């Protein structure tokens, strides 16, 4: 793993092609989680952009082997690029590229305006997912239940304004209900 002062050099036949100095550890290895509940339902999975000040987060969620968890359950390759407003800083956006097999795994996604969090509704039923990101991020919650997304303590004066209730979904947003989805369209949440 690279450290703060390490230099990574890429060379081709002894000629230096590229060299970068790292500022954070580089994490290439993906992480894995499993969404419980029912296969027919989609549960809100919450990620936190821990490198918010470093620009847009690129978050990949994938399950490349169609037979993971059961025979022919399905495959998914998706990438979400987003930056939260973090309560009004501006320049916030969300964008997704989703490629999936006949079984669809993503029912919707939403950037939480009041924090640095992204909510993605993923298919449950004991379905395994892998993820990785371009800068520090945390998988905060993947429990198969409805939840409230909020980053403030309950005694904060703006606690009620910052809450986002995310329910379990039983249907995929119409614009997401296809094999390839690209780019993000605001109607995903309607």
Protein backbone atom coordinates (compact mmCIF):
# COMPACT_ATOMS: atom_id res chain seq x y z
CA UNK A 1 0.00 0.00 0.00
CA UNK A 2 1.37 3.42 -0.98
CA UNK A 3 1.88 6.07 1.72
CA UNK A 4 1.99 9.88 1.81
CA UNK A 5 5.57 10.24 0.61
CA UNK A 6 5.67 7.34 -1.86
CA UNK A 7 6.13 7.92 -5.56
CA UNK A 8 4.51 5.49 -7.97
CA UNK A 9 6.23 5.25 -11.33
CA UNK A 10 4.87 3.52 -14.42
CA UNK A 11 7.48 2.66 -17.02
CA UNK A 12 7.51 1.07 -20.45
CA UNK A 13 10.74 -0.62 -21.57
CA UNK A 14 12.74 1.35 -19.01
CA UNK A 15 11.31 4.75 -20.02
CA UNK A 16 9.29 6.58 -17.36
CA UNK A 17 5.76 7.11 -18.71
CA UNK A 18 4.02 8.49 -15.62
CA UNK A 19 4.87 9.30 -12.04
CA UNK A 20 2.54 10.43 -9.26
CA UNK A 21 3.02 11.27 -5.61
CA UNK A 22 0.32 9.82 -3.41
CA UNK A 23 -1.40 11.74 -0.65
CA UNK A 24 -3.55 8.91 0.74
CA UNK A 25 -3.21 5.16 0.84
CA UNK A 26 -4.30 3.62 -2.44
CA UNK A 27 -6.92 0.92 -1.92
CA UNK A 28 -7.35 -1.19 -5.02
CA UNK A 29 -8.93 -4.18 -3.35
CA UNK A 30 -12.73 -4.19 -3.26
CA UNK A 31 -14.94 -4.76 -0.22
CA UNK A 32 -17.95 -7.08 -0.04
CA UNK A 33 -21.35 -6.93 1.67
CA UNK A 34 -24.61 -8.87 1.49
CA UNK A 35 -28.11 -7.35 1.52
CA UNK A 36 -30.56 -9.55 3.43
CA UNK A 37 -34.33 -9.38 3.41
CA UNK A 38 -36.39 -10.55 0.44
CA UNK A 39 -35.25 -10.99 -3.16
CA UNK A 40 -38.35 -9.15 -4.43
CA UNK A 41 -37.51 -6.01 -2.44
CA UNK A 42 -34.88 -3.28 -2.70
CA UNK A 43 -33.26 -1.86 0.42
CA UNK A 44 -31.55 1.48 0.92
CA UNK A 45 -27.79 1.11 1.19
CA UNK A 46 -26.03 4.22 2.51
CA UNK A 47 -22.49 5.29 1.58
CA UNK A 48 -20.61 8.26 3.02
CA UNK A 49 -18.18 10.31 0.90
CA UNK A 50 -15.36 10.65 3.43
CA UNK A 51 -13.18 12.51 0.92
CA UNK A 52 -15.83 15.12 0.08
CA UNK A 53 -13.29 17.96 -0.09
CA UNK A 54 -11.30 15.98 -2.70
CA UNK A 55 -14.03 16.36 -5.33
CA UNK A 56 -16.50 13.92 -6.82
CA UNK A 57 -16.73 10.40 -5.44
CA UNK A 58 -16.65 7.59 -7.98
CA UNK A 59 -18.27 4.55 -6.41
CA UNK A 60 -18.39 1.18 -8.16
CA UNK A 61 -20.87 -1.49 -7.08
CA UNK A 62 -20.56 -4.77 -8.89
CA UNK A 63 -21.26 -8.51 -8.96
CA UNK A 64 -19.59 -9.79 -12.13
CA UNK A 65 -20.36 -13.51 -11.66
CA UNK A 66 -23.96 -14.28 -12.61
CA UNK A 67 -23.90 -17.34 -10.31
CA UNK A 68 -22.89 -15.56 -7.10
CA UNK A 69 -25.31 -16.58 -4.31
CA UNK A 70 -27.36 -18.90 -6.56
CA UNK A 71 -27.48 -20.26 -10.09
CA UNK A 72 -28.14 -17.47 -12.62
CA UNK A 73 -29.03 -14.87 -9.95
CA UNK A 74 -27.58 -12.14 -12.17
CA UNK A 75 -24.67 -9.81 -12.82
CA UNK A 76 -24.21 -6.09 -12.22
CA UNK A 77 -21.55 -3.54 -13.11
CA UNK A 78 -22.35 0.00 -12.00
CA UNK A 79 -20.53 3.23 -11.35
CA UNK A 80 -21.96 6.21 -9.50
CA UNK A 81 -20.25 9.58 -9.70
CA UNK A 82 -21.59 12.16 -7.28
CA UNK A 83 -20.80 15.13 -5.10
CA UNK A 84 -23.15 16.22 -2.35
CA UNK A 85 -24.07 19.79 -1.57
CA UNK A 86 -23.33 19.08 2.10
CA UNK A 87 -26.06 21.49 3.10
CA UNK A 88 -25.82 24.15 0.40
CA UNK A 89 -22.22 24.31 -0.79
CA UNK A 90 -23.41 23.94 -4.38
CA UNK A 91 -21.83 22.08 -7.31
CA UNK A 92 -23.73 18.96 -6.28
CA UNK A 93 -24.66 16.33 -8.86
CA UNK A 94 -25.28 12.60 -9.29
CA UNK A 95 -24.66 10.42 -12.30
CA UNK A 96 -24.80 6.67 -12.85
CA UNK A 97 -23.79 4.11 -15.41
CA UNK A 98 -25.50 0.77 -14.78
CA UNK A 99 -25.14 -2.48 -16.73
CA UNK A 100 -27.00 -5.52 -15.45
CA UNK A 101 -28.36 -8.87 -16.48
CA UNK A 102 -32.02 -9.80 -16.74
CA UNK A 103 -32.50 -9.64 -12.96
CA UNK A 104 -32.22 -5.96 -12.04
CA UNK A 105 -30.34 -5.07 -8.87
CA UNK A 106 -30.77 -1.29 -8.54
CA UNK A 107 -34.20 0.29 -7.99
CA UNK A 108 -33.06 3.91 -7.53
CA UNK A 109 -30.49 6.21 -5.99
CA UNK A 110 -30.48 9.58 -4.27
CA UNK A 111 -27.86 12.09 -3.21
CA UNK A 112 -28.57 13.30 0.35
CA UNK A 113 -28.58 17.10 0.16
CA UNK A 114 -27.83 17.71 3.86
CA UNK A 115 -24.76 15.48 4.15
CA UNK A 116 -22.08 13.75 2.08
CA UNK A 117 -24.12 10.58 1.65
CA UNK A 118 -25.48 8.62 -1.28
CA UNK A 119 -28.42 6.22 -0.95
CA UNK A 120 -28.74 3.34 -3.43
CA UNK A 121 -31.64 0.88 -3.35
CA UNK A 122 -30.22 -2.62 -3.94
CA UNK A 123 -31.97 -5.97 -4.34
CA UNK A 124 -32.10 -8.04 -1.15
CA UNK A 125 -32.59 -11.73 -0.56
CA UNK A 126 -29.06 -12.46 0.58
CA UNK A 127 -27.51 -10.85 -2.52
CA UNK A 128 -23.76 -10.25 -2.45
CA UNK A 129 -22.26 -7.00 -3.78
CA UNK A 130 -18.68 -5.76 -4.10
CA UNK A 131 -17.68 -2.10 -3.99
CA UNK A 132 -14.70 0.24 -4.24
CA UNK A 133 -14.18 3.98 -4.63
CA UNK A 134 -11.68 6.51 -5.96
CA UNK A 135 -11.19 8.22 -2.58
CA UNK A 136 -12.14 7.47 1.05
CA UNK A 137 -15.72 6.27 1.47
CA UNK A 138 -17.60 4.25 4.07
CA UNK A 139 -20.45 1.80 3.71
CA UNK A 140 -22.61 3.09 6.59
CA UNK A 141 -25.73 0.92 6.47
CA UNK A 142 -26.86 -2.04 4.38
CA UNK A 143 -29.53 -3.46 6.71
CA UNK A 144 -32.64 -4.78 4.99
CA UNK A 145 -35.12 -2.30 6.50
CA UNK A 146 -36.48 1.24 6.16
CA UNK A 147 -34.26 3.86 7.75
CA UNK A 148 -33.64 7.52 8.38
CA UNK A 149 -30.50 9.07 6.89
CA UNK A 150 -29.20 11.97 8.98
CA UNK A 151 -25.74 13.11 10.00
CA UNK A 152 -26.64 15.42 12.90
CA UNK A 153 -27.16 14.49 16.53
CA UNK A 154 -30.81 14.53 17.72
CA UNK A 155 -30.17 17.60 19.91
CA UNK A 156 -28.94 19.70 16.94
CA UNK A 157 -31.44 22.50 16.05
CA UNK A 158 -31.56 21.41 12.37
CA UNK A 159 -31.91 17.69 13.07
CA UNK A 160 -35.52 17.48 11.80
CA UNK A 161 -34.71 19.41 8.59
CA UNK A 162 -31.75 17.15 7.79
CA UNK A 163 -33.61 13.83 8.06
CA UNK A 164 -34.28 11.74 4.96
CA UNK A 165 -36.68 8.81 5.38
CA UNK A 166 -35.80 5.98 2.99
CA UNK A 167 -38.38 3.23 2.65
CA UNK A 168 -38.01 -0.24 1.21
CA UNK A 169 -38.88 -0.28 -2.51
CA UNK A 170 -40.85 -2.98 -4.27
CA UNK A 171 -40.57 -1.49 -7.78
CA UNK A 172 -37.72 -0.27 -9.90
CA UNK A 173 -37.93 3.32 -11.16
CA UNK A 174 -39.21 3.07 -14.78
CA UNK A 175 -36.12 4.75 -16.23
CA UNK A 176 -33.90 2.23 -14.39
CA UNK A 177 -35.88 -0.82 -15.45
CA UNK A 178 -33.67 -1.76 -18.40
CA UNK A 179 -30.38 -3.59 -18.89
CA UNK A 180 -28.23 -0.53 -19.54
CA UNK A 181 -28.86 2.82 -17.86
CA UNK A 182 -26.78 5.81 -18.86
CA UNK A 183 -26.74 8.75 -17.98
CA UNK A 184 -28.53 9.98 -14.87
CA UNK A 185 -31.97 11.48 -15.47
CA UNK A 186 -33.88 13.36 -12.78
CA UNK A 187 -37.00 11.24 -13.33
CA UNK A 188 -35.30 8.23 -11.67
CA UNK A 189 -36.92 9.19 -8.37
CA UNK A 190 -40.46 9.70 -9.58
